[in-house]
Amino acid sequence: MSKKTFYQWIRYQVNRDDMVGDLARDAVRDKKIPKYVKTSHKKIENYLNSINTDNNLIDSFRSAWEEYIEYI
């Protein structure tokens, strides 16, 4: 079975009522977010920093990434 990329995983989190759900909704709307990252969060975190994302979203991403790593 092929493992999902972070983007594939986060799309299924849009209905959550927490900061990961907020990130998921933002990610689905963002057409430029890296979609093919499986093992390194740096590419996504660098992207978020490049668009001047606030620290809350970065914290949300880090929490989501920890969940994603447990998932894969």
PDB file of N, CA and C in Angstrom:
ATOM      1  N   MET A   1       0.837  -1.182   0.000  1.00  0.00           N
ATOM      2  CA  MET A   1       0.000   0.000   0.000  1.00  0.00           C
ATOM      3  C   MET A   1       0.885   1.250   0.000  1.00  0.00           C
ATOM      4  N   SER A   2       0.558   2.171  -0.825  1.00  0.00           N
ATOM      5  CA  SER A   2       1.316   3.418  -0.909  1.00  0.00           C
ATOM      6  C   SER A   2       0.924   4.341   0.241  1.00  0.00           C
ATOM      7  N   LYS A   3       1.916   4.972   0.827  1.00  0.00           N
ATOM      8  CA  LYS A   3       1.644   5.904   1.915  1.00  0.00           C
ATOM      9  C   LYS A   3       1.192   7.243   1.349  1.00  0.00           C
ATOM     10  N   LYS A   4       0.285   7.877   2.060  1.00  0.00           N
ATOM     11  CA  LYS A   4      -0.216   9.173   1.623  1.00  0.00           C
ATOM     12  C   LYS A   4       0.819  10.254   1.879  1.00  0.00           C
ATOM     13  N   THR A   5       0.816  11.241   0.999  1.00  0.00           N
ATOM     14  CA  THR A   5       1.634  12.423   1.249  1.00  0.00           C
ATOM     15  C   THR A   5       0.957  13.225   2.360  1.00  0.00           C
ATOM     16  N   PHE A   6       1.679  14.183   2.903  1.00  0.00           N
ATOM     17  CA  PHE A   6       1.102  15.033   3.934  1.00  0.00           C
ATOM     18  C   PHE A   6      -0.152  15.722   3.406  1.00  0.00           C
ATOM     19  N   TYR A   7      -0.089  16.236   2.190  1.00  0.00           N
ATOM     20  CA  TYR A   7      -1.244  16.931   1.620  1.00  0.00           C
ATOM     21  C   TYR A   7      -2.442  15.994   1.497  1.00  0.00           C
ATOM     22  N   GLN A   8      -2.216  14.775   1.045  1.00  0.00           N
ATOM     23  CA  GLN A   8      -3.319  13.814   0.935  1.00  0.00           C
ATOM     24  C   GLN A   8      -3.924  13.542   2.315  1.00  0.00           C
ATOM     25  N   TRP A   9      -3.071  13.431   3.324  1.00  0.00           N
ATOM     26  CA  TRP A   9      -3.546  13.179   4.679  1.00  0.00           C
ATOM     27  C   TRP A   9      -4.299  14.391   5.231  1.00  0.00           C
ATOM     28  N   ILE A  10      -3.732  15.590   5.058  1.00  0.00           N
ATOM     29  CA  ILE A  10      -4.331  16.784   5.660  1.00  0.00           C
ATOM     30  C   ILE A  10      -5.694  17.101   5.057  1.00  0.00           C
ATOM     31  N   ARG A  11      -5.908  16.760   3.802  1.00  0.00           N
ATOM     32  CA  ARG A  11      -7.217  17.009   3.173  1.00  0.00           C
ATOM     33  C   ARG A  11      -8.342  16.327   3.937  1.00  0.00           C
ATOM     34  N   TYR A  12      -8.049  15.201   4.569  1.00  0.00           N
ATOM     35  CA  TYR A  12      -9.068  14.464   5.314  1.00  0.00           C
ATOM     36  C   TYR A  12      -9.282  15.013   6.718  1.00  0.00           C
ATOM     37  N   GLN A  13      -8.593  16.075   7.072  1.00  0.00           N
ATOM     38  CA  GLN A  13      -8.709  16.659   8.409  1.00  0.00           C
ATOM     39  C   GLN A  13      -9.564  17.935   8.411  1.00  0.00           C
ATOM     40  N   VAL A  14     -10.169  18.294   7.293  1.00  0.00           N
ATOM     41  CA  VAL A  14     -10.872  19.577   7.168  1.00  0.00           C
ATOM     42  C   VAL A  14     -12.065  19.719   8.102  1.00  0.00           C
ATOM     43  N   ASN A  15     -12.646  18.652   8.536  1.00  0.00           N
ATOM     44  CA  ASN A  15     -13.831  18.733   9.398  1.00  0.00           C
ATOM     45  C   ASN A  15     -13.499  18.780  10.885  1.00  0.00           C
ATOM     46  N   ARG A  16     -12.231  18.765  11.211  1.00  0.00           N
ATOM     47  CA  ARG A  16     -11.833  18.838  12.612  1.00  0.00           C
ATOM     48  C   ARG A  16     -12.041  20.243  13.150  1.00  0.00           C
ATOM     49  N   ASP A  17     -12.409  20.315  14.427  1.00  0.00           N
ATOM     50  CA  ASP A  17     -12.644  21.601  15.076  1.00  0.00           C
ATOM     51  C   ASP A  17     -11.465  21.928  15.986  1.00  0.00           C
ATOM     52  N   ASP A  18     -10.282  21.996  15.378  1.00  0.00           N
ATOM     53  CA  ASP A  18      -9.068  22.325  16.119  1.00  0.00           C
ATOM     54  C   ASP A  18      -8.083  22.980  15.165  1.00  0.00           C
ATOM     55  N   MET A  19      -6.868  23.226  15.647  1.00  0.00           N
ATOM     56  CA  MET A  19      -5.902  23.949  14.821  1.00  0.00           C
ATOM     57  C   MET A  19      -5.446  23.134  13.609  1.00  0.00           C
ATOM     58  N   VAL A  20      -5.476  21.818  13.699  1.00  0.00           N
ATOM     59  CA  VAL A  20      -5.135  20.993  12.541  1.00  0.00           C
ATOM     60  C   VAL A  20      -6.225  21.121  11.480  1.00  0.00           C
ATOM     61  N   GLY A  21      -7.463  21.186  11.903  1.00  0.00           N
ATOM     62  CA  GLY A  21      -8.566  21.413  10.967  1.00  0.00           C
ATOM     63  C   GLY A  21      -8.449  22.766  10.284  1.00  0.00           C
ATOM     64  N   ASP A  22      -8.054  23.794  11.051  1.00  0.00           N
ATOM     65  CA  ASP A  22      -7.837  25.125  10.452  1.00  0.00           C
ATOM     66  C   ASP A  22      -6.752  25.064   9.383  1.00  0.00           C
ATOM     67  N   LEU A  23      -5.660  24.386   9.714  1.00  0.00           N
ATOM     68  CA  LEU A  23      -4.571  24.225   8.748  1.00  0.00           C
ATOM     69  C   LEU A  23      -5.060  23.473   7.514  1.00  0.00           C
ATOM     70  N   ALA A  24      -5.837  22.435   7.721  1.00  0.00           N
ATOM     71  CA  ALA A  24      -6.348  21.638   6.597  1.00  0.00           C
ATOM     72  C   ALA A  24      -7.184  22.494   5.657  1.00  0.00           C
ATOM     73  N   ARG A  25      -8.057  23.307   6.218  1.00  0.00           N
ATOM     74  CA  ARG A  25      -8.890  24.169   5.368  1.00  0.00           C
ATOM     75  C   ARG A  25      -8.036  25.175   4.606  1.00  0.00           C
ATOM     76  N   ASP A  26      -7.023  25.730   5.262  1.00  0.00           N
ATOM     77  CA  ASP A  26      -6.103  26.642   4.571  1.00  0.00           C
ATOM     78  C   ASP A  26      -5.341  25.922   3.464  1.00  0.00           C
ATOM     79  N   ALA A  27      -4.876  24.711   3.751  1.00  0.00           N
ATOM     80  CA  ALA A  27      -4.081  23.949   2.777  1.00  0.00           C
ATOM     81  C   ALA A  27      -4.898  23.610   1.533  1.00  0.00           C
ATOM     82  N   VAL A  28      -6.148  23.243   1.727  1.00  0.00           N
ATOM     83  CA  VAL A  28      -7.001  22.884   0.588  1.00  0.00           C
ATOM     84  C   VAL A  28      -7.242  24.100  -0.309  1.00  0.00           C
ATOM     85  N   ARG A  29      -7.322  25.277   0.283  1.00  0.00           N
ATOM     86  CA  ARG A  29      -7.542  26.507  -0.508  1.00  0.00           C
ATOM     87  C   ARG A  29      -6.267  27.009  -1.190  1.00  0.00           C
ATOM     88  N   ASP A  30      -5.113  26.628  -0.653  1.00  0.00           N
ATOM     89  CA  ASP A  30      -3.828  27.135  -1.151  1.00  0.00           C
ATOM     90  C   ASP A  30      -3.351  26.282  -2.322  1.00  0.00           C
ATOM     91  N   LYS A  31      -3.401  26.837  -3.505  1.00  0.00           N
ATOM     92  CA  LYS A  31      -3.023  26.089  -4.714  1.00  0.00           C
ATOM     93  C   LYS A  31      -1.517  25.882  -4.845  1.00  0.00           C
ATOM     94  N   LYS A  32      -0.709  26.612  -4.068  1.00  0.00           N
ATOM     95  CA  LYS A  32       0.745  26.522  -4.201  1.00  0.00           C
ATOM     96  C   LYS A  32       1.426  25.689  -3.120  1.00  0.00           C
ATOM     97  N   ILE A  33       0.685  25.230  -2.139  1.00  0.00           N
ATOM     98  CA  ILE A  33       1.307  24.451  -1.066  1.00  0.00           C
ATOM     99  C   ILE A  33       1.919  23.172  -1.656  1.00  0.00           C
ATOM    100  N   PRO A  34       3.108  22.792  -1.207  1.00  0.00           N
ATOM    101  CA  PRO A  34       3.719  21.549  -1.725  1.00  0.00           C
ATOM    102  C   PRO A  34       2.808  20.344  -1.456  1.00  0.00           C
ATOM    103  N   LYS A  35       2.530  19.592  -2.500  1.00  0.00           N
ATOM    104  CA  LYS A  35       1.566  18.496  -2.394  1.00  0.00           C
ATOM    105  C   LYS A  35       2.201  17.109  -2.385  1.00  0.00           C
ATOM    106  N   TYR A  36       3.477  17.001  -2.646  1.00  0.00           N
ATOM    107  CA  TYR A  36       4.063  15.670  -2.822  1.00  0.00           C
ATOM    108  C   TYR A  36       5.120  15.327  -1.785  1.00  0.00           C
ATOM    109  N   VAL A  37       5.056  15.961  -0.616  1.00  0.00           N
ATOM    110  CA  VAL A  37       6.056  15.745   0.430  1.00  0.00           C
ATOM    111  C   VAL A  37       5.619  14.585   1.318  1.00  0.00           C
ATOM    112  N   LYS A  38       6.514  13.598   1.488  1.00  0.00           N
ATOM    113  CA  LYS A  38       6.187  12.462   2.353  1.00  0.00           C
ATOM    114  C   LYS A  38       7.019  12.425   3.617  1.00  0.00           C
ATOM    115  N   THR A  39       8.297  12.686   3.531  1.00  0.00           N
ATOM    116  CA  THR A  39       9.148  12.404   4.675  1.00  0.00           C
ATOM    117  C   THR A  39       9.852  13.605   5.285  1.00  0.00           C
ATOM    118  N   SER A  40       9.813  14.743   4.667  1.00  0.00           N
ATOM    119  CA  SER A  40      10.503  15.909   5.207  1.00  0.00           C
ATOM    120  C   SER A  40       9.544  17.083   5.321  1.00  0.00           C
ATOM    121  N   HIS A  41       9.397  17.585   6.512  1.00  0.00           N
ATOM    122  CA  HIS A  41       8.488  18.705   6.710  1.00  0.00           C
ATOM    123  C   HIS A  41       9.114  20.041   6.321  1.00  0.00           C
ATOM    124  N   LYS A  42      10.426  20.082   6.107  1.00  0.00           N
ATOM    125  CA  LYS A  42      11.106  21.347   5.821  1.00  0.00           C
ATOM    126  C   LYS A  42      10.559  22.047   4.578  1.00  0.00           C
ATOM    127  N   LYS A  43      10.236  21.298   3.546  1.00  0.00           N
ATOM    128  CA  LYS A  43       9.742  21.927   2.317  1.00  0.00           C
ATOM    129  C   LYS A  43       8.437  22.680   2.584  1.00  0.00           C
ATOM    130  N   ILE A  44       7.546  22.077   3.340  1.00  0.00           N
ATOM    131  CA  ILE A  44       6.278  22.741   3.644  1.00  0.00           C
ATOM    132  C   ILE A  44       6.494  23.893   4.615  1.00  0.00           C
ATOM    133  N   GLU A  45       7.301  23.670   5.650  1.00  0.00           N
ATOM    134  CA  GLU A  45       7.552  24.739   6.613  1.00  0.00           C
ATOM    135  C   GLU A  45       8.235  25.929   5.940  1.00  0.00           C
ATOM    136  N   ASN A  46       9.186  25.670   5.057  1.00  0.00           N
ATOM    137  CA  ASN A  46       9.834  26.762   4.308  1.00  0.00           C
ATOM    138  C   ASN A  46       8.818  27.516   3.457  1.00  0.00           C
ATOM    139  N   TYR A  47       7.905  26.769   2.834  1.00  0.00           N
ATOM    140  CA  TYR A  47       6.870  27.417   2.039  1.00  0.00           C
ATOM    141  C   TYR A  47       6.003  28.320   2.921  1.00  0.00           C
ATOM    142  N   LEU A  48       5.564  27.802   4.058  1.00  0.00           N
ATOM    143  CA  LEU A  48       4.727  28.597   4.960  1.00  0.00           C
ATOM    144  C   LEU A  48       5.460  29.860   5.419  1.00  0.00           C
ATOM    145  N   ASN A  49       6.734  29.723   5.727  1.00  0.00           N
ATOM    146  CA  ASN A  49       7.516  30.904   6.118  1.00  0.00           C
ATOM    147  C   ASN A  49       7.663  31.892   4.963  1.00  0.00           C
ATOM    148  N   SER A  50       7.759  31.380   3.743  1.00  0.00           N
ATOM    149  CA  SER A  50       7.944  32.261   2.582  1.00  0.00           C
ATOM    150  C   SER A  50       6.720  33.116   2.289  1.00  0.00           C
ATOM    151  N   ILE A  51       5.561  32.676   2.742  1.00  0.00           N
ATOM    152  CA  ILE A  51       4.346  33.468   2.512  1.00  0.00           C
ATOM    153  C   ILE A  51       3.954  34.258   3.766  1.00  0.00           C
ATOM    154  N   ASN A  52       4.935  34.408   4.662  1.00  0.00           N
ATOM    155  CA  ASN A  52       4.747  35.205   5.874  1.00  0.00           C
ATOM    156  C   ASN A  52       3.592  34.712   6.738  1.00  0.00           C
ATOM    157  N   THR A  53       3.534  33.421   6.906  1.00  0.00           N
ATOM    158  CA  THR A  53       2.523  32.805   7.755  1.00  0.00           C
ATOM    159  C   THR A  53       2.769  33.181   9.209  1.00  0.00           C
ATOM    160  N   ASP A  54       1.697  33.354   9.966  1.00  0.00           N
ATOM    161  CA  ASP A  54       1.881  33.684  11.378  1.00  0.00           C
ATOM    162  C   ASP A  54       2.314  32.438  12.167  1.00  0.00           C
ATOM    163  N   ASN A  55       2.814  32.665  13.352  1.00  0.00           N
ATOM    164  CA  ASN A  55       3.342  31.578  14.178  1.00  0.00           C
ATOM    165  C   ASN A  55       2.294  30.551  14.561  1.00  0.00           C
ATOM    166  N   ASN A  56       1.032  30.962  14.680  1.00  0.00           N
ATOM    167  CA  ASN A  56      -0.021  30.000  15.017  1.00  0.00           C
ATOM    168  C   ASN A  56      -0.173  28.942  13.931  1.00  0.00           C
ATOM    169  N   LEU A  57      -0.073  29.362  12.682  1.00  0.00           N
ATOM    170  CA  LEU A  57      -0.191  28.399  11.591  1.00  0.00           C
ATOM    171  C   LEU A  57       1.023  27.472  11.547  1.00  0.00           C
ATOM    172  N   ILE A  58       2.189  28.014  11.829  1.00  0.00           N
ATOM    173  CA  ILE A  58       3.396  27.174  11.888  1.00  0.00           C
ATOM    174  C   ILE A  58       3.247  26.147  13.011  1.00  0.00           C
ATOM    175  N   ASP A  59       2.754  26.575  14.164  1.00  0.00           N
ATOM    176  CA  ASP A  59       2.513  25.638  15.274  1.00  0.00           C
ATOM    177  C   ASP A  59       1.492  24.577  14.880  1.00  0.00           C
ATOM    178  N   SER A  60       0.452  24.984  14.172  1.00  0.00           N
ATOM    179  CA  SER A  60      -0.561  24.038  13.694  1.00  0.00           C
ATOM    180  C   SER A  60       0.071  23.025  12.750  1.00  0.00           C
ATOM    181  N   PHE A  61       0.928  23.517  11.859  1.00  0.00           N
ATOM    182  CA  PHE A  61       1.593  22.617  10.926  1.00  0.00           C
ATOM    183  C   PHE A  61       2.464  21.604  11.673  1.00  0.00           C
ATOM    184  N   ARG A  62       3.201  22.055  12.653  1.00  0.00           N
ATOM    185  CA  ARG A  62       4.068  21.141  13.404  1.00  0.00           C
ATOM    186  C   ARG A  62       3.258  20.074  14.135  1.00  0.00           C
ATOM    187  N   SER A  63       2.132  20.465  14.712  1.00  0.00           N
ATOM    188  CA  SER A  63       1.252  19.490  15.370  1.00  0.00           C
ATOM    189  C   SER A  63       0.690  18.496  14.352  1.00  0.00           C
ATOM    190  N   ALA A  64       0.255  19.031  13.220  1.00  0.00           N
ATOM    191  CA  ALA A  64      -0.293  18.164  12.173  1.00  0.00           C
ATOM    192  C   ALA A  64       0.775  17.213  11.661  1.00  0.00           C
ATOM    193  N   TRP A  65       2.002  17.707  11.490  1.00  0.00           N
ATOM    194  CA  TRP A  65       3.075  16.856  10.986  1.00  0.00           C
ATOM    195  C   TRP A  65       3.346  15.702  11.952  1.00  0.00           C
ATOM    196  N   GLU A  66       3.314  15.972  13.257  1.00  0.00           N
ATOM    197  CA  GLU A  66       3.521  14.909  14.250  1.00  0.00           C
ATOM    198  C   GLU A  66       2.445  13.830  14.115  1.00  0.00           C
ATOM    199  N   GLU A  67       1.197  14.252  13.929  1.00  0.00           N
ATOM    200  CA  GLU A  67       0.116  13.283  13.725  1.00  0.00           C
ATOM    201  C   GLU A  67       0.322  12.503  12.429  1.00  0.00           C
ATOM    202  N   TYR A  68       0.719  13.212  11.392  1.00  0.00           N
ATOM    203  CA  TYR A  68       0.945  12.575  10.087  1.00  0.00           C
ATOM    204  C   TYR A  68       2.045  11.514  10.196  1.00  0.00           C
ATOM    205  N   ILE A  69       3.140  11.829  10.878  1.00  0.00           N
ATOM    206  CA  ILE A  69       4.237  10.875  11.033  1.00  0.00           C
ATOM    207  C   ILE A  69       3.754   9.626  11.759  1.00  0.00           C
ATOM    208  N   GLU A  70       2.914   9.795  12.752  1.00  0.00           N
ATOM    209  CA  GLU A  70       2.348   8.633  13.451  1.00  0.00           C
ATOM    210  C   GLU A  70       1.469   7.819  12.521  1.00  0.00           C
ATOM    211  N   TYR A  71       0.763   8.519  11.633  1.00  0.00           N
ATOM    212  CA  TYR A  71      -0.136   7.857  10.686  1.00  0.00           C
ATOM    213  C   TYR A  71       0.643   6.997   9.688  1.00  0.00           C
ATOM    214  N   ILE A  72       1.736   7.559   9.166  1.00  0.00           N
ATOM    215  CA  ILE A  72       2.466   6.802   8.143  1.00  0.00           C
ATOM    216  C   ILE A  72       3.335   5.778   8.822  1.00  0.00           C
TER     217      ILE A  72
END
